Amino acid sequence: MHYRFGKGLIKVPAEYQDKALIPKAGLSDTDKAEVRKFYPAPSKKKSPLLKPFLSQIVRLGAGQQLDYEIKPEVSRRYTMQTFGTMDTVIVLFEDDNGTPIYLDGDDDSGTNYNSKIEARLISGRTYYLRLRLYYSTGVGQGGIMLW
């Protein structure tokens, strides 16, 4: 990120002892590239449908993300949860004419409790559940289920 530093805050090079460092406004190309690593754009391919009571096997590398589509047939309270020893974050969005609207999220913080969201979903609407693996090394294996 570009940050302004007043004169004297930077020791080297010496010119910044007498003048402020004022970078151009906005995000650098490096900033944008780093953000894309952590927040990838939704995939153009169709997301798999997450159906009630049918678990999905999950196998992800560090930082990888899977998107699932949810189309409830009945309006009611649902639970979405990961299973296994993955260090995961899940986030629930509602589709609003092609724009994902954030509803809820959960980070298991590397504990044995797994990521879990409970939310009322409405029949006829479309939702997206994004699952991301946060292991710094290795592969995460487990499952995800909606009930």
N, C-alpha and C. Protein backbone atom coordinates (compact mmCIF):
# COMPACT_ATOMS: atom_id res chain seq x y z
N MET A 1 0.84 -1.18 0.00
CA MET A 1 0.00 0.00 0.00
C MET A 1 0.88 1.24 0.00
N HIS A 2 0.37 2.28 -0.60
CA HIS A 2 1.09 3.57 -0.62
C HIS A 2 0.75 4.33 0.66
N TYR A 3 1.76 4.72 1.40
CA TYR A 3 1.56 5.49 2.61
C TYR A 3 2.45 6.72 2.59
N ARG A 4 1.95 7.81 3.08
CA ARG A 4 2.72 9.04 3.17
C ARG A 4 3.56 9.01 4.45
N PHE A 5 4.81 9.43 4.33
CA PHE A 5 5.70 9.52 5.48
C PHE A 5 6.23 10.95 5.56
N GLY A 6 6.11 11.55 6.73
CA GLY A 6 6.63 12.89 6.93
C GLY A 6 8.15 12.92 6.90
N LYS A 7 8.73 14.12 6.67
CA LYS A 7 10.19 14.23 6.62
C LYS A 7 10.79 13.78 7.95
N GLY A 8 11.94 13.14 7.85
CA GLY A 8 12.65 12.68 9.04
C GLY A 8 12.23 11.30 9.52
N LEU A 9 11.14 10.74 8.98
CA LEU A 9 10.70 9.40 9.41
C LEU A 9 11.48 8.29 8.71
N ILE A 10 12.08 8.62 7.57
CA ILE A 10 12.86 7.63 6.82
C ILE A 10 14.32 8.03 6.94
N LYS A 11 15.15 7.11 7.36
CA LYS A 11 16.58 7.39 7.58
C LYS A 11 17.39 7.31 6.29
N VAL A 12 17.06 6.34 5.41
CA VAL A 12 17.80 6.15 4.18
C VAL A 12 16.80 5.98 3.05
N PRO A 13 16.96 6.65 1.92
CA PRO A 13 18.03 7.56 1.56
C PRO A 13 17.92 8.89 2.29
N ALA A 14 19.03 9.58 2.39
CA ALA A 14 19.14 10.80 3.19
C ALA A 14 18.20 11.91 2.76
N GLU A 15 17.79 11.93 1.49
CA GLU A 15 16.91 13.01 1.01
C GLU A 15 15.60 13.06 1.79
N TYR A 16 15.17 11.94 2.37
CA TYR A 16 13.90 11.93 3.10
C TYR A 16 14.04 12.41 4.54
N GLN A 17 15.23 12.83 4.92
CA GLN A 17 15.39 13.48 6.22
C GLN A 17 14.87 14.92 6.16
N ASP A 18 14.89 15.50 4.95
CA ASP A 18 14.48 16.90 4.77
C ASP A 18 13.20 17.08 3.98
N LYS A 19 12.68 16.03 3.34
CA LYS A 19 11.42 16.16 2.60
C LYS A 19 10.57 14.92 2.82
N ALA A 20 9.27 15.13 2.71
CA ALA A 20 8.32 14.02 2.93
C ALA A 20 8.30 13.08 1.74
N LEU A 21 7.94 11.84 2.00
CA LEU A 21 7.72 10.87 0.93
C LEU A 21 6.21 10.86 0.66
N ILE A 22 5.82 11.29 -0.51
CA ILE A 22 4.40 11.38 -0.87
C ILE A 22 4.18 10.56 -2.13
N PRO A 23 3.79 9.31 -1.99
CA PRO A 23 3.57 8.47 -3.18
C PRO A 23 2.28 8.87 -3.89
N LYS A 24 2.15 8.40 -5.13
CA LYS A 24 0.91 8.70 -5.85
C LYS A 24 -0.25 8.00 -5.14
N ALA A 25 -1.44 8.54 -5.29
CA ALA A 25 -2.63 8.01 -4.63
C ALA A 25 -3.05 6.68 -5.26
N GLY A 26 -3.78 5.88 -4.50
CA GLY A 26 -4.33 4.64 -5.03
C GLY A 26 -3.47 3.43 -4.71
N LEU A 27 -3.82 2.32 -5.34
CA LEU A 27 -3.12 1.06 -5.13
C LEU A 27 -2.08 0.84 -6.22
N SER A 28 -0.94 0.30 -5.83
CA SER A 28 0.10 -0.03 -6.80
C SER A 28 -0.27 -1.33 -7.52
N ASP A 29 0.44 -1.64 -8.59
CA ASP A 29 0.21 -2.89 -9.30
C ASP A 29 0.49 -4.09 -8.38
N THR A 30 1.50 -3.96 -7.52
CA THR A 30 1.80 -5.03 -6.56
C THR A 30 0.66 -5.20 -5.57
N ASP A 31 0.10 -4.08 -5.08
CA ASP A 31 -1.05 -4.15 -4.17
C ASP A 31 -2.18 -4.92 -4.82
N LYS A 32 -2.50 -4.58 -6.05
CA LYS A 32 -3.61 -5.22 -6.77
C LYS A 32 -3.36 -6.71 -6.96
N ALA A 33 -2.13 -7.07 -7.30
CA ALA A 33 -1.79 -8.49 -7.49
C ALA A 33 -1.95 -9.26 -6.18
N GLU A 34 -1.52 -8.67 -5.07
CA GLU A 34 -1.64 -9.33 -3.77
C GLU A 34 -3.11 -9.49 -3.36
N VAL A 35 -3.92 -8.49 -3.60
CA VAL A 35 -5.35 -8.57 -3.28
C VAL A 35 -6.00 -9.69 -4.09
N ARG A 36 -5.63 -9.83 -5.37
CA ARG A 36 -6.21 -10.89 -6.21
C ARG A 36 -5.86 -12.28 -5.69
N LYS A 37 -4.70 -12.41 -5.04
CA LYS A 37 -4.33 -13.72 -4.47
C LYS A 37 -5.28 -14.09 -3.33
N PHE A 38 -5.64 -13.10 -2.49
CA PHE A 38 -6.47 -13.37 -1.33
C PHE A 38 -7.96 -13.33 -1.64
N TYR A 39 -8.35 -12.60 -2.67
CA TYR A 39 -9.76 -12.46 -3.03
C TYR A 39 -9.95 -12.71 -4.51
N PRO A 40 -9.81 -13.96 -4.95
CA PRO A 40 -9.94 -14.24 -6.38
C PRO A 40 -11.36 -13.96 -6.88
N ALA A 41 -11.44 -13.60 -8.13
CA ALA A 41 -12.75 -13.36 -8.75
C ALA A 41 -13.50 -14.69 -8.81
N PRO A 42 -14.83 -14.63 -8.75
CA PRO A 42 -15.60 -15.87 -8.89
C PRO A 42 -15.28 -16.56 -10.21
N SER A 43 -15.27 -17.85 -10.17
CA SER A 43 -14.97 -18.64 -11.36
C SER A 43 -16.06 -18.45 -12.41
N LYS A 44 -15.66 -18.47 -13.67
CA LYS A 44 -16.62 -18.36 -14.78
C LYS A 44 -17.40 -19.66 -14.95
N LYS A 45 -16.80 -20.77 -14.49
CA LYS A 45 -17.49 -22.05 -14.63
C LYS A 45 -18.61 -22.16 -13.60
N LYS A 46 -19.58 -22.97 -13.89
CA LYS A 46 -20.73 -23.15 -13.01
C LYS A 46 -20.29 -23.81 -11.71
N SER A 47 -20.69 -23.24 -10.59
CA SER A 47 -20.36 -23.80 -9.28
C SER A 47 -21.20 -25.04 -9.03
N PRO A 48 -20.64 -26.05 -8.34
CA PRO A 48 -21.45 -27.23 -8.02
C PRO A 48 -22.58 -26.85 -7.06
N LEU A 49 -23.70 -27.54 -7.21
CA LEU A 49 -24.87 -27.31 -6.38
C LEU A 49 -24.71 -28.06 -5.06
N LEU A 50 -24.87 -27.34 -3.96
CA LEU A 50 -24.80 -27.94 -2.63
C LEU A 50 -26.24 -28.25 -2.22
N LYS A 51 -26.56 -29.54 -2.14
CA LYS A 51 -27.93 -29.97 -1.83
C LYS A 51 -28.01 -30.45 -0.38
N PRO A 52 -29.17 -30.26 0.25
CA PRO A 52 -29.32 -30.69 1.65
C PRO A 52 -29.03 -32.18 1.84
N PHE A 53 -28.28 -32.48 2.89
CA PHE A 53 -27.98 -33.82 3.37
C PHE A 53 -27.07 -34.63 2.45
N LEU A 54 -26.43 -33.97 1.46
CA LEU A 54 -25.47 -34.64 0.59
C LEU A 54 -24.11 -33.97 0.77
N SER A 55 -23.19 -34.66 1.45
CA SER A 55 -21.88 -34.05 1.69
C SER A 55 -21.06 -34.02 0.40
N GLN A 56 -20.19 -33.03 0.33
CA GLN A 56 -19.27 -32.88 -0.80
C GLN A 56 -17.85 -33.07 -0.28
N ILE A 57 -17.05 -33.84 -0.99
CA ILE A 57 -15.65 -34.02 -0.62
C ILE A 57 -14.89 -32.77 -1.01
N VAL A 58 -14.01 -32.31 -0.11
CA VAL A 58 -13.21 -31.11 -0.33
C VAL A 58 -11.74 -31.48 -0.29
N ARG A 59 -11.01 -31.06 -1.31
CA ARG A 59 -9.55 -31.23 -1.35
C ARG A 59 -9.00 -29.95 -1.95
N LEU A 60 -8.28 -29.18 -1.13
CA LEU A 60 -7.76 -27.88 -1.54
C LEU A 60 -6.31 -27.70 -1.15
N GLY A 61 -5.59 -26.90 -1.93
CA GLY A 61 -4.25 -26.47 -1.58
C GLY A 61 -4.33 -25.16 -0.81
N ALA A 62 -3.20 -24.75 -0.25
CA ALA A 62 -3.14 -23.52 0.55
C ALA A 62 -3.69 -22.33 -0.22
N GLY A 63 -4.65 -21.62 0.39
CA GLY A 63 -5.22 -20.42 -0.21
C GLY A 63 -6.23 -20.67 -1.30
N GLN A 64 -6.48 -21.92 -1.66
CA GLN A 64 -7.45 -22.20 -2.72
C GLN A 64 -8.87 -22.02 -2.22
N GLN A 65 -9.78 -21.81 -3.16
CA GLN A 65 -11.17 -21.53 -2.83
C GLN A 65 -12.09 -22.38 -3.70
N LEU A 66 -13.17 -22.83 -3.12
CA LEU A 66 -14.25 -23.51 -3.84
C LEU A 66 -15.53 -22.72 -3.64
N ASP A 67 -16.31 -22.58 -4.69
CA ASP A 67 -17.61 -21.91 -4.61
C ASP A 67 -18.71 -22.94 -4.85
N TYR A 68 -19.73 -22.89 -4.03
CA TYR A 68 -20.89 -23.77 -4.17
C TYR A 68 -22.14 -22.91 -4.35
N GLU A 69 -23.08 -23.41 -5.11
CA GLU A 69 -24.36 -22.74 -5.30
C GLU A 69 -25.41 -23.45 -4.47
N ILE A 70 -26.29 -22.67 -3.85
CA ILE A 70 -27.38 -23.24 -3.05
C ILE A 70 -28.69 -22.66 -3.57
N LYS A 71 -29.64 -23.54 -3.92
CA LYS A 71 -30.96 -23.13 -4.40
C LYS A 71 -32.00 -23.85 -3.55
N PRO A 72 -32.34 -23.30 -2.39
CA PRO A 72 -33.25 -24.01 -1.49
C PRO A 72 -34.65 -24.20 -2.10
N GLU A 73 -35.19 -25.39 -1.90
CA GLU A 73 -36.55 -25.69 -2.37
C GLU A 73 -37.58 -25.32 -1.31
N VAL A 74 -37.12 -25.20 -0.06
CA VAL A 74 -38.00 -24.87 1.06
C VAL A 74 -37.37 -23.71 1.84
N SER A 75 -38.19 -22.72 2.20
CA SER A 75 -37.71 -21.61 3.04
C SER A 75 -37.65 -22.09 4.48
N ARG A 76 -36.46 -22.06 5.07
CA ARG A 76 -36.27 -22.49 6.46
C ARG A 76 -34.86 -22.15 6.88
N ARG A 77 -34.53 -22.47 8.12
CA ARG A 77 -33.18 -22.27 8.65
C ARG A 77 -32.32 -23.46 8.22
N TYR A 78 -31.15 -23.17 7.67
CA TYR A 78 -30.22 -24.19 7.21
C TYR A 78 -28.90 -24.05 7.96
N THR A 79 -28.15 -25.15 8.02
CA THR A 79 -26.80 -25.16 8.56
C THR A 79 -25.86 -25.59 7.46
N MET A 80 -24.73 -24.88 7.33
CA MET A 80 -23.66 -25.22 6.39
C MET A 80 -22.41 -25.39 7.23
N GLN A 81 -21.71 -26.52 7.08
CA GLN A 81 -20.55 -26.77 7.93
C GLN A 81 -19.51 -27.60 7.22
N THR A 82 -18.23 -27.29 7.53
CA THR A 82 -17.14 -28.12 7.03
C THR A 82 -16.88 -29.25 8.03
N PHE A 83 -16.24 -30.30 7.54
CA PHE A 83 -15.86 -31.45 8.36
C PHE A 83 -14.43 -31.83 8.04
N GLY A 84 -13.72 -32.33 9.02
CA GLY A 84 -12.34 -32.75 8.81
C GLY A 84 -11.38 -31.85 9.56
N THR A 85 -10.12 -31.91 9.17
CA THR A 85 -9.08 -31.16 9.88
C THR A 85 -8.56 -29.99 9.06
N MET A 86 -9.41 -29.42 8.22
CA MET A 86 -9.01 -28.28 7.38
C MET A 86 -9.10 -26.98 8.18
N ASP A 87 -8.20 -26.06 7.92
CA ASP A 87 -8.26 -24.72 8.49
C ASP A 87 -9.01 -23.86 7.47
N THR A 88 -10.30 -23.65 7.68
CA THR A 88 -11.14 -23.05 6.65
C THR A 88 -11.90 -21.81 7.10
N VAL A 89 -12.31 -21.06 6.09
CA VAL A 89 -13.24 -19.96 6.24
C VAL A 89 -14.35 -20.21 5.23
N ILE A 90 -15.61 -20.07 5.67
CA ILE A 90 -16.72 -20.14 4.72
C ILE A 90 -17.49 -18.83 4.80
N VAL A 91 -18.00 -18.40 3.66
CA VAL A 91 -18.75 -17.14 3.57
C VAL A 91 -19.98 -17.39 2.71
N LEU A 92 -21.12 -16.90 3.20
CA LEU A 92 -22.40 -17.07 2.50
C LEU A 92 -22.82 -15.76 1.86
N PHE A 93 -23.18 -15.83 0.58
CA PHE A 93 -23.65 -14.69 -0.18
C PHE A 93 -25.02 -15.01 -0.77
N GLU A 94 -25.84 -13.98 -0.93
CA GLU A 94 -27.09 -14.12 -1.69
C GLU A 94 -26.88 -13.44 -3.03
N ASP A 95 -27.35 -14.08 -4.10
CA ASP A 95 -27.24 -13.50 -5.43
C ASP A 95 -28.33 -12.45 -5.62
N ASP A 96 -27.92 -11.24 -5.98
CA ASP A 96 -28.86 -10.15 -6.25
C ASP A 96 -28.61 -9.68 -7.68
N ASN A 97 -29.28 -10.35 -8.63
CA ASN A 97 -29.12 -10.02 -10.05
C ASN A 97 -27.65 -10.02 -10.49
N GLY A 98 -26.94 -11.05 -10.10
CA GLY A 98 -25.54 -11.20 -10.50
C GLY A 98 -24.53 -10.60 -9.54
N THR A 99 -24.99 -9.90 -8.52
CA THR A 99 -24.09 -9.31 -7.53
C THR A 99 -24.18 -10.10 -6.23
N PRO A 100 -23.05 -10.65 -5.75
CA PRO A 100 -23.09 -11.39 -4.48
C PRO A 100 -23.19 -10.43 -3.29
N ILE A 101 -24.21 -10.62 -2.45
CA ILE A 101 -24.41 -9.80 -1.26
C ILE A 101 -24.02 -10.64 -0.05
N TYR A 102 -23.06 -10.14 0.74
CA TYR A 102 -22.57 -10.85 1.93
C TYR A 102 -23.70 -11.02 2.95
N LEU A 103 -23.86 -12.26 3.44
CA LEU A 103 -24.84 -12.54 4.50
C LEU A 103 -24.18 -12.94 5.81
N ASP A 104 -23.18 -13.84 5.74
CA ASP A 104 -22.56 -14.33 6.97
C ASP A 104 -21.26 -15.04 6.63
N GLY A 105 -20.42 -15.25 7.63
CA GLY A 105 -19.18 -15.97 7.43
C GLY A 105 -18.68 -16.55 8.74
N ASP A 106 -17.80 -17.53 8.65
CA ASP A 106 -17.22 -18.13 9.84
C ASP A 106 -15.82 -18.63 9.53
N ASP A 107 -14.92 -18.39 10.46
CA ASP A 107 -13.53 -18.81 10.38
C ASP A 107 -13.27 -19.77 11.53
N ASP A 108 -12.85 -20.98 11.23
CA ASP A 108 -12.61 -21.94 12.32
C ASP A 108 -11.31 -21.66 13.06
N SER A 109 -10.53 -20.71 12.57
CA SER A 109 -9.28 -20.27 13.23
C SER A 109 -8.34 -21.43 13.55
N GLY A 110 -8.35 -22.45 12.73
CA GLY A 110 -7.45 -23.58 12.92
C GLY A 110 -7.82 -24.48 14.07
N THR A 111 -9.03 -24.32 14.62
CA THR A 111 -9.46 -25.16 15.74
C THR A 111 -10.10 -26.45 15.22
N ASN A 112 -10.50 -27.31 16.11
CA ASN A 112 -11.16 -28.55 15.73
C ASN A 112 -12.67 -28.40 15.57
N TYR A 113 -13.17 -27.16 15.60
CA TYR A 113 -14.62 -26.96 15.56
C TYR A 113 -15.20 -26.81 14.16
N ASN A 114 -14.37 -26.60 13.14
CA ASN A 114 -14.80 -26.44 11.76
C ASN A 114 -15.64 -25.18 11.56
N SER A 115 -15.68 -24.71 10.33
CA SER A 115 -16.46 -23.52 9.98
C SER A 115 -17.94 -23.91 9.89
N LYS A 116 -18.80 -23.01 10.41
CA LYS A 116 -20.23 -23.33 10.46
C LYS A 116 -21.05 -22.04 10.35
N ILE A 117 -22.06 -22.07 9.50
CA ILE A 117 -23.00 -20.96 9.35
C ILE A 117 -24.42 -21.51 9.47
N GLU A 118 -25.24 -20.81 10.24
CA GLU A 118 -26.67 -21.12 10.31
C GLU A 118 -27.41 -19.89 9.80
N ALA A 119 -28.28 -20.09 8.80
CA ALA A 119 -28.98 -18.94 8.21
C ALA A 119 -30.31 -19.37 7.63
N ARG A 120 -31.26 -18.45 7.64
CA ARG A 120 -32.55 -18.69 6.99
C ARG A 120 -32.39 -18.42 5.50
N LEU A 121 -32.65 -19.44 4.69
CA LEU A 121 -32.59 -19.31 3.24
C LEU A 121 -34.00 -19.38 2.68
N ILE A 122 -34.25 -18.60 1.64
CA ILE A 122 -35.58 -18.45 1.07
C ILE A 122 -35.68 -19.23 -0.24
N SER A 123 -36.73 -20.02 -0.36
CA SER A 123 -36.98 -20.79 -1.58
C SER A 123 -37.08 -19.84 -2.78
N GLY A 124 -36.51 -20.27 -3.90
CA GLY A 124 -36.56 -19.47 -5.11
C GLY A 124 -35.40 -18.50 -5.26
N ARG A 125 -34.62 -18.32 -4.23
CA ARG A 125 -33.45 -17.45 -4.30
C ARG A 125 -32.19 -18.30 -4.51
N THR A 126 -31.13 -17.64 -4.94
CA THR A 126 -29.84 -18.33 -5.16
C THR A 126 -28.82 -17.78 -4.19
N TYR A 127 -28.06 -18.69 -3.59
CA TYR A 127 -27.02 -18.35 -2.63
C TYR A 127 -25.70 -18.98 -3.07
N TYR A 128 -24.60 -18.41 -2.61
CA TYR A 128 -23.28 -18.95 -2.88
C TYR A 128 -22.54 -19.13 -1.57
N LEU A 129 -21.93 -20.28 -1.41
CA LEU A 129 -21.10 -20.56 -0.25
C LEU A 129 -19.67 -20.68 -0.75
N ARG A 130 -18.79 -19.82 -0.26
CA ARG A 130 -17.38 -19.86 -0.64
C ARG A 130 -16.58 -20.44 0.50
N LEU A 131 -15.75 -21.41 0.16
CA LEU A 131 -14.92 -22.09 1.15
C LEU A 131 -13.47 -21.86 0.76
N ARG A 132 -12.67 -21.41 1.71
CA ARG A 132 -11.25 -21.17 1.45
C ARG A 132 -10.41 -21.89 2.48
N LEU A 133 -9.32 -22.50 2.01
CA LEU A 133 -8.37 -23.18 2.88
C LEU A 133 -7.25 -22.23 3.23
N TYR A 134 -6.92 -22.11 4.52
CA TYR A 134 -5.90 -21.18 4.97
C TYR A 134 -4.62 -21.84 5.43
N TYR A 135 -4.46 -23.16 5.27
CA TYR A 135 -3.19 -23.79 5.62
C TYR A 135 -2.07 -23.06 4.90
N SER A 136 -0.97 -22.86 5.56
CA SER A 136 0.15 -22.21 4.89
C SER A 136 0.93 -23.21 4.05
N THR A 137 0.84 -24.48 4.38
CA THR A 137 1.49 -25.52 3.59
C THR A 137 0.57 -26.72 3.52
N GLY A 138 0.81 -27.55 2.56
CA GLY A 138 0.05 -28.79 2.47
C GLY A 138 -1.31 -28.66 1.85
N VAL A 139 -2.06 -29.74 1.95
CA VAL A 139 -3.37 -29.85 1.33
C VAL A 139 -4.41 -30.08 2.41
N GLY A 140 -5.57 -29.47 2.26
CA GLY A 140 -6.66 -29.70 3.19
C GLY A 140 -7.64 -30.70 2.60
N GLN A 141 -8.04 -31.65 3.40
CA GLN A 141 -9.02 -32.65 2.96
C GLN A 141 -10.13 -32.75 3.98
N GLY A 142 -11.33 -32.90 3.49
CA GLY A 142 -12.47 -33.01 4.40
C GLY A 142 -13.75 -32.99 3.60
N GLY A 143 -14.77 -32.35 4.17
CA GLY A 143 -16.04 -32.30 3.49
C GLY A 143 -16.82 -31.06 3.89
N ILE A 144 -17.90 -30.82 3.15
CA ILE A 144 -18.82 -29.74 3.47
C ILE A 144 -20.23 -30.27 3.25
N MET A 145 -21.14 -29.80 4.10
CA MET A 145 -22.51 -30.29 4.01
C MET A 145 -23.51 -29.19 4.37
N LEU A 146 -24.66 -29.29 3.76
CA LEU A 146 -25.80 -28.39 4.02
C LEU A 146 -26.93 -29.27 4.55
N TRP A 147 -27.55 -28.82 5.66
CA TRP A 147 -28.71 -29.54 6.16
C TRP A 147 -29.67 -28.59 6.82
